[in-house]
């Protein structure tokens, strides 16, 4: 994911400041400091299901509390990681000649 963001920031320098706001929003929506079952209504649970960072956090919580790993969340995080890596590598090789011009 970082490779994708860097490729975008190289072209648009102002996104560097916007990215910090986006990261703060991601932190609050990932249910790091609260239990989502108590706050989010049942018909909004799909928002957490598509959030790849929540999948990583839920498996970390399960390992800390001695619960089995949630395979659905594990597969979501693996697929998201591989897709973002492939997109990042493609963008890097596509724009690698322009990086040195913008640094």
Protein backbone atom coordinates (compact mmCIF):
# COMPACT_ATOMS: atom_id res chain seq x y z
CA UNK A 1 0.00 0.00 0.00
CA UNK A 2 2.89 2.33 0.74
CA UNK A 3 4.28 1.86 -2.75
CA UNK A 4 0.94 2.94 -4.22
CA UNK A 5 0.75 6.02 -1.98
CA UNK A 6 4.33 7.03 -2.80
CA UNK A 7 3.61 6.78 -6.52
CA UNK A 8 0.65 9.10 -6.09
CA UNK A 9 2.50 11.54 -3.81
CA UNK A 10 5.34 11.86 -6.33
CA UNK A 11 2.88 13.38 -8.80
CA UNK A 12 0.71 15.29 -6.33
CA UNK A 13 2.77 16.75 -3.47
CA UNK A 14 -0.24 18.07 -1.53
CA UNK A 15 -1.49 14.55 -0.87
CA UNK A 16 1.32 14.12 1.64
CA UNK A 17 -0.62 16.27 4.12
CA UNK A 18 -3.96 14.73 3.25
CA UNK A 19 -2.54 11.24 3.84
CA UNK A 20 -2.05 11.95 7.55
CA UNK A 21 -5.74 12.80 7.86
CA UNK A 22 -6.69 9.64 5.97
CA UNK A 23 -4.51 7.54 8.28
CA UNK A 24 -6.22 9.04 11.31
CA UNK A 25 -9.62 8.13 9.86
CA UNK A 26 -8.40 4.60 9.17
CA UNK A 27 -7.23 4.28 12.77
CA UNK A 28 -10.65 5.27 14.15
CA UNK A 29 -12.53 2.96 11.78
CA UNK A 30 -10.38 -0.11 12.46
CA UNK A 31 -11.79 -0.80 15.92
CA UNK A 32 -8.44 -0.76 17.66
CA UNK A 33 -9.65 0.83 20.88
CA UNK A 34 -13.24 -0.40 21.02
CA UNK A 35 -15.31 -3.52 20.43
CA UNK A 36 -17.27 -3.02 17.23
CA UNK A 37 -20.00 -5.45 18.26
CA UNK A 38 -21.16 -3.01 20.94
CA UNK A 39 -21.16 0.10 18.77
CA UNK A 40 -21.94 -0.88 15.19
CA UNK A 41 -25.40 -2.11 14.32
CA UNK A 42 -25.70 -5.53 12.70
CA UNK A 43 -26.60 -4.27 9.23
CA UNK A 44 -23.42 -2.12 9.14
CA UNK A 45 -21.09 -5.03 9.90
CA UNK A 46 -20.10 -5.34 6.25
CA UNK A 47 -18.03 -2.18 6.62
CA UNK A 48 -15.68 -3.97 8.99
CA UNK A 49 -15.69 -7.09 6.83
CA UNK A 50 -14.22 -5.24 3.85
CA UNK A 51 -11.65 -3.36 5.96
CA UNK A 52 -8.37 -5.29 5.59
CA UNK A 53 -6.77 -3.69 8.65
CA UNK A 54 -9.66 -4.82 10.82
CA UNK A 55 -9.00 -8.37 9.63
CA UNK A 56 -5.43 -8.16 10.87
CA UNK A 57 -6.53 -6.61 14.18
CA UNK A 58 -9.21 -9.25 14.82
CA UNK A 59 -6.70 -12.06 14.28
CA UNK A 60 -4.20 -10.34 16.57
CA UNK A 61 -6.88 -10.08 19.26
CA UNK A 62 -7.77 -13.74 18.81
CA UNK A 63 -4.15 -14.80 19.21
CA UNK A 64 -3.75 -12.69 22.36
CA UNK A 65 -6.92 -14.08 23.96
CA UNK A 66 -6.19 -17.68 22.94
CA UNK A 67 -9.01 -17.93 20.43
CA UNK A 68 -8.65 -19.65 17.02
CA UNK A 69 -7.69 -17.54 14.02
CA UNK A 70 -10.60 -16.27 11.94
CA UNK A 71 -9.85 -17.80 8.53
CA UNK A 72 -12.17 -15.42 6.66
CA UNK A 73 -10.36 -12.41 8.11
CA UNK A 74 -7.00 -14.06 7.44
CA UNK A 75 -7.86 -14.65 3.77
CA UNK A 76 -9.12 -11.08 3.38
CA UNK A 77 -5.86 -9.68 4.74
CA UNK A 78 -3.74 -12.03 2.57
CA UNK A 79 -5.66 -11.16 -0.60
CA UNK A 80 -5.51 -7.42 0.15
CA UNK A 81 -1.77 -7.63 0.82
CA UNK A 82 -1.05 -9.49 -2.41
CA UNK A 83 -3.23 -7.25 -4.56
CA UNK A 84 -1.77 -4.04 -3.13
CA UNK A 85 1.77 -5.45 -3.56
CA UNK A 86 1.14 -6.31 -7.21
CA UNK A 87 -0.42 -2.91 -7.93
CA UNK A 88 2.46 -1.17 -6.15
CA UNK A 89 5.11 -3.11 -8.09
CA UNK A 90 3.32 -2.36 -11.37
CA UNK A 91 3.13 1.36 -10.57
CA UNK A 92 6.74 1.45 -9.44
CA UNK A 93 8.05 -0.11 -12.64
CA UNK A 94 5.78 2.12 -14.68
CA UNK A 95 7.02 5.35 -13.03
CA UNK A 96 10.52 4.50 -11.82
CA UNK A 97 12.17 6.79 -14.38
CA UNK A 98 10.20 9.80 -13.07
CA UNK A 99 11.09 9.27 -9.38
CA UNK A 100 14.55 10.80 -9.65
CA UNK A 101 13.12 13.88 -11.39
CA UNK A 102 10.73 14.65 -8.53
CA UNK A 103 12.99 14.05 -5.52
